[in-house]
Amino acid sequence: MTDHNSTMDIHTLVHHYFRTLDARDFAPDWMRPFVTPDVRLEAPVGVEEGLEAATRLTEEAVGRFARTQHMASGLLVDVDEEGGTASWNALMTHVYDDDTLFTVGGRFEADLRRTPDGWRFSRVAVRPVWTQGPPPVVRQR
């Protein structure tokens, strides 16, 4: 089912989330407007559940780089009264301190929940399709 207002709200959520990552606007509770308290984050660098753990994982992943740019396209949304799903293509450019690039083309998949404060991600999964450049060193958990 499509709901134009919800679809637009979810588009805004996706783009605002990406812009926040790239701005590194990591004030306390920065992730709260984007996710539910029980969010599940699935990324190549790890899987975490819960707001605090997902926030740490995200900050750690982005923090490996001097700069990032995340771009979303082809966003598809399906919603009902309580929740929905979304998927989109992403081009993620990561710049190391020495200006070396690590670029990822991939897809995001998300489950969403309608809350009193608006739409929130309850699950976000990053699915790389291709990479170019040296990947970051990921510490063992």
C-alpha atoms as a PDB file:
ATOM      1  CA  MET A   1       0.000   0.000   0.000  1.00  0.00           C
ATOM      2  CA  THR A   2       1.274   3.494  -0.663  1.00  0.00           C
ATOM      3  CA  ASP A   3       0.669   6.507   1.521  1.00  0.00           C
ATOM      4  CA  HIS A   4       2.136   9.639  -0.049  1.00  0.00           C
ATOM      5  CA  ASN A   5       2.744  11.489   3.238  1.00  0.00           C
ATOM      6  CA  SER A   6       4.408   8.500   4.880  1.00  0.00           C
ATOM      7  CA  THR A   7       6.495   7.851   1.786  1.00  0.00           C
ATOM      8  CA  MET A   8       7.739  11.442   1.801  1.00  0.00           C
ATOM      9  CA  ASP A   9       8.438  11.260   5.547  1.00  0.00           C
ATOM     10  CA  ILE A  10      10.514   8.103   5.040  1.00  0.00           C
ATOM     11  CA  HIS A  11      12.404   9.658   2.112  1.00  0.00           C
ATOM     12  CA  THR A  12      13.255  12.573   4.389  1.00  0.00           C
ATOM     13  CA  LEU A  13      14.316  10.197   7.187  1.00  0.00           C
ATOM     14  CA  VAL A  14      16.745   8.369   4.861  1.00  0.00           C
ATOM     15  CA  HIS A  15      18.310  11.546   3.487  1.00  0.00           C
ATOM     16  CA  HIS A  16      18.530  13.238   6.878  1.00  0.00           C
ATOM     17  CA  TYR A  17      20.204  10.128   8.330  1.00  0.00           C
ATOM     18  CA  PHE A  18      22.822  10.110   5.552  1.00  0.00           C
ATOM     19  CA  ARG A  19      23.467  13.840   5.915  1.00  0.00           C
ATOM     20  CA  THR A  20      23.904  13.447   9.672  1.00  0.00           C
ATOM     21  CA  LEU A  21      26.444  10.664   9.124  1.00  0.00           C
ATOM     22  CA  ASP A  22      28.434  12.798   6.702  1.00  0.00           C
ATOM     23  CA  ALA A  23      28.272  15.905   8.913  1.00  0.00           C
ATOM     24  CA  ARG A  24      29.401  13.769  11.855  1.00  0.00           C
ATOM     25  CA  ASP A  25      26.821  15.546  13.943  1.00  0.00           C
ATOM     26  CA  PHE A  26      27.186  13.058  16.792  1.00  0.00           C
ATOM     27  CA  ALA A  27      25.771  15.052  19.682  1.00  0.00           C
ATOM     28  CA  PRO A  28      24.399  12.964  22.565  1.00  0.00           C
ATOM     29  CA  ASP A  29      21.333  11.014  21.433  1.00  0.00           C
ATOM     30  CA  TRP A  30      21.931  12.009  17.800  1.00  0.00           C
ATOM     31  CA  MET A  31      20.585   8.666  16.563  1.00  0.00           C
ATOM     32  CA  ARG A  32      17.336   8.737  18.561  1.00  0.00           C
ATOM     33  CA  PRO A  33      15.348  10.668  15.890  1.00  0.00           C
ATOM     34  CA  PHE A  34      16.176   7.963  13.334  1.00  0.00           C
ATOM     35  CA  VAL A  35      15.680   4.624  15.100  1.00  0.00           C
ATOM     36  CA  THR A  36      13.530   2.744  17.578  1.00  0.00           C
ATOM     37  CA  PRO A  37      15.066   1.858  20.977  1.00  0.00           C
ATOM     38  CA  ASP A  38      15.269  -1.814  19.925  1.00  0.00           C
ATOM     39  CA  VAL A  39      16.794  -1.145  16.489  1.00  0.00           C
ATOM     40  CA  ARG A  40      18.852  -3.865  14.806  1.00  0.00           C
ATOM     41  CA  LEU A  41      21.784  -2.643  12.706  1.00  0.00           C
ATOM     42  CA  GLU A  42      23.345  -5.083  10.231  1.00  0.00           C
ATOM     43  CA  ALA A  43      26.551  -3.827   8.605  1.00  0.00           C
ATOM     44  CA  PRO A  44      29.724  -5.355   7.182  1.00  0.00           C
ATOM     45  CA  VAL A  45      31.555  -4.171  10.315  1.00  0.00           C
ATOM     46  CA  GLY A  46      29.147  -5.920  12.686  1.00  0.00           C
ATOM     47  CA  VAL A  47      25.607  -6.486  13.883  1.00  0.00           C
ATOM     48  CA  GLU A  48      24.195  -4.731  16.931  1.00  0.00           C
ATOM     49  CA  GLU A  49      20.832  -4.449  18.628  1.00  0.00           C
ATOM     50  CA  GLY A  50      19.547  -1.565  20.693  1.00  0.00           C
ATOM     51  CA  LEU A  51      19.983   2.182  20.388  1.00  0.00           C
ATOM     52  CA  GLU A  52      23.225   2.506  22.352  1.00  0.00           C
ATOM     53  CA  ALA A  53      24.989  -0.400  20.635  1.00  0.00           C
ATOM     54  CA  ALA A  54      23.859   0.690  17.164  1.00  0.00           C
ATOM     55  CA  THR A  55      25.031   4.235  17.892  1.00  0.00           C
ATOM     56  CA  ARG A  56      28.476   3.002  18.980  1.00  0.00           C
ATOM     57  CA  LEU A  57      28.822   0.787  15.907  1.00  0.00           C
ATOM     58  CA  THR A  58      27.823   3.603  13.565  1.00  0.00           C
ATOM     59  CA  GLU A  59      30.156   6.145  15.156  1.00  0.00           C
ATOM     60  CA  GLU A  60      33.001   3.609  15.091  1.00  0.00           C
ATOM     61  CA  ALA A  61      32.397   2.767  11.416  1.00  0.00           C
ATOM     62  CA  VAL A  62      32.224   6.394  10.254  1.00  0.00           C
ATOM     63  CA  GLY A  63      35.076   7.382  12.569  1.00  0.00           C
ATOM     64  CA  ARG A  64      37.537   5.251  10.607  1.00  0.00           C
ATOM     65  CA  PHE A  65      37.542   7.924   7.905  1.00  0.00           C
ATOM     66  CA  ALA A  66      38.440  11.597   7.624  1.00  0.00           C
ATOM     67  CA  ARG A  67      35.309  12.279   5.559  1.00  0.00           C
ATOM     68  CA  THR A  68      32.373  10.382   4.066  1.00  0.00           C
ATOM     69  CA  GLN A  69      29.639  11.013   1.550  1.00  0.00           C
ATOM     70  CA  HIS A  70      26.544   8.807   1.414  1.00  0.00           C
ATOM     71  CA  MET A  71      24.095   9.179  -1.452  1.00  0.00           C
ATOM     72  CA  ALA A  72      20.733   7.417  -1.709  1.00  0.00           C
ATOM     73  CA  SER A  73      18.746   6.758  -4.869  1.00  0.00           C
ATOM     74  CA  GLY A  74      15.916   4.571  -6.044  1.00  0.00           C
ATOM     75  CA  LEU A  75      14.146   4.616  -2.693  1.00  0.00           C
ATOM     76  CA  LEU A  76      11.193   2.213  -2.602  1.00  0.00           C
ATOM     77  CA  VAL A  77       8.750   2.365   0.306  1.00  0.00           C
ATOM     78  CA  ASP A  78       5.826   0.161   1.325  1.00  0.00           C
ATOM     79  CA  VAL A  79       3.806   1.118   4.421  1.00  0.00           C
ATOM     80  CA  ASP A  80       0.684   0.206   6.329  1.00  0.00           C
ATOM     81  CA  GLU A  81      -0.880   1.641   9.490  1.00  0.00           C
ATOM     82  CA  GLU A  82       1.811   0.347  11.853  1.00  0.00           C
ATOM     83  CA  GLY A  83       4.974  -0.145   9.884  1.00  0.00           C
ATOM     84  CA  GLY A  84       6.694  -0.514   6.616  1.00  0.00           C
ATOM     85  CA  THR A  85       9.748  -1.414   4.647  1.00  0.00           C
ATOM     86  CA  ALA A  86      12.123   0.594   2.532  1.00  0.00           C
ATOM     87  CA  SER A  87      15.051  -0.201   0.298  1.00  0.00           C
ATOM     88  CA  TRP A  88      17.399   2.041  -1.615  1.00  0.00           C
ATOM     89  CA  ASN A  89      20.628   2.047  -3.552  1.00  0.00           C
ATOM     90  CA  ALA A  90      23.581   3.786  -1.952  1.00  0.00           C
ATOM     91  CA  LEU A  91      26.902   5.091  -3.131  1.00  0.00           C
ATOM     92  CA  MET A  92      29.160   5.468  -0.103  1.00  0.00           C
ATOM     93  CA  THR A  93      32.483   7.241  -0.491  1.00  0.00           C
ATOM     94  CA  HIS A  94      34.920   7.062   2.412  1.00  0.00           C
ATOM     95  CA  VAL A  95      38.066   9.209   2.500  1.00  0.00           C
ATOM     96  CA  TYR A  96      41.034   8.199   4.648  1.00  0.00           C
ATOM     97  CA  ASP A  97      43.341  10.746   6.299  1.00  0.00           C
ATOM     98  CA  ASP A  98      45.788  10.392   3.362  1.00  0.00           C
ATOM     99  CA  ASP A  99      42.944  11.072   0.849  1.00  0.00           C
ATOM    100  CA  THR A 100      42.830   7.427  -0.295  1.00  0.00           C
ATOM    101  CA  LEU A 101      39.270   6.424  -1.198  1.00  0.00           C
ATOM    102  CA  PHE A 102      37.278   3.385  -0.189  1.00  0.00           C
ATOM    103  CA  THR A 103      34.060   3.397  -2.204  1.00  0.00           C
ATOM    104  CA  VAL A 104      31.094   1.078  -1.754  1.00  0.00           C
ATOM    105  CA  GLY A 105      28.096   0.592  -3.995  1.00  0.00           C
ATOM    106  CA  GLY A 106      25.309  -1.205  -2.265  1.00  0.00           C
ATOM    107  CA  ARG A 107      21.776  -1.467  -1.099  1.00  0.00           C
ATOM    108  CA  PHE A 108      20.110  -0.625   2.179  1.00  0.00           C
ATOM    109  CA  GLU A 109      17.087  -2.527   3.465  1.00  0.00           C
ATOM    110  CA  ALA A 110      15.056  -1.225   6.374  1.00  0.00           C
ATOM    111  CA  ASP A 111      12.042  -2.068   8.469  1.00  0.00           C
ATOM    112  CA  LEU A 112      10.230   0.940   9.861  1.00  0.00           C
ATOM    113  CA  ARG A 113       7.810   1.584  12.665  1.00  0.00           C
ATOM    114  CA  ARG A 114       5.365   4.470  12.950  1.00  0.00           C
ATOM    115  CA  THR A 115       5.871   6.087  16.365  1.00  0.00           C
ATOM    116  CA  PRO A 116       4.205   9.080  18.052  1.00  0.00           C
ATOM    117  CA  ASP A 117       7.285  11.079  16.980  1.00  0.00           C
ATOM    118  CA  GLY A 118       7.180   9.912  13.351  1.00  0.00           C
ATOM    119  CA  TRP A 119       8.711   7.105  11.336  1.00  0.00           C
ATOM    120  CA  ARG A 120      11.767   5.339  12.773  1.00  0.00           C
ATOM    121  CA  PHE A 121      14.019   2.548  11.530  1.00  0.00           C
ATOM    122  CA  SER A 122      13.553  -0.647  13.551  1.00  0.00           C
ATOM    123  CA  ARG A 123      16.080  -2.512  11.380  1.00  0.00           C
ATOM    124  CA  VAL A 124      18.689  -1.223   8.967  1.00  0.00           C
ATOM    125  CA  ALA A 125      20.831  -3.561   6.869  1.00  0.00           C
ATOM    126  CA  VAL A 126      23.698  -2.456   4.631  1.00  0.00           C
ATOM    127  CA  ARG A 127      24.283  -4.873   1.742  1.00  0.00           C
ATOM    128  CA  PRO A 128      27.454  -4.077  -0.247  1.00  0.00           C
ATOM    129  CA  VAL A 129      27.352  -5.033  -3.924  1.00  0.00           C
ATOM    130  CA  TRP A 130      30.834  -3.835  -4.906  1.00  0.00           C
ATOM    131  CA  THR A 131      33.820  -2.048  -3.394  1.00  0.00           C
ATOM    132  CA  GLN A 132      36.819  -0.201  -4.723  1.00  0.00           C
ATOM    133  CA  GLY A 133      39.922   0.775  -2.791  1.00  0.00           C
ATOM    134  CA  PRO A 134      41.393  -0.532   0.447  1.00  0.00           C
ATOM    135  CA  PRO A 135      38.755  -1.507   3.012  1.00  0.00           C
ATOM    136  CA  PRO A 136      39.217  -0.418   6.611  1.00  0.00           C
ATOM    137  CA  VAL A 137      40.797  -2.693   9.162  1.00  0.00           C
ATOM    138  CA  VAL A 138      37.952  -4.030  11.275  1.00  0.00           C
ATOM    139  CA  ARG A 139      38.749  -5.078  14.815  1.00  0.00           C
ATOM    140  CA  GLN A 140      37.466  -8.439  15.972  1.00  0.00           C
ATOM    141  CA  ARG A 141      34.518  -8.216  18.342  1.00  0.00           C
END
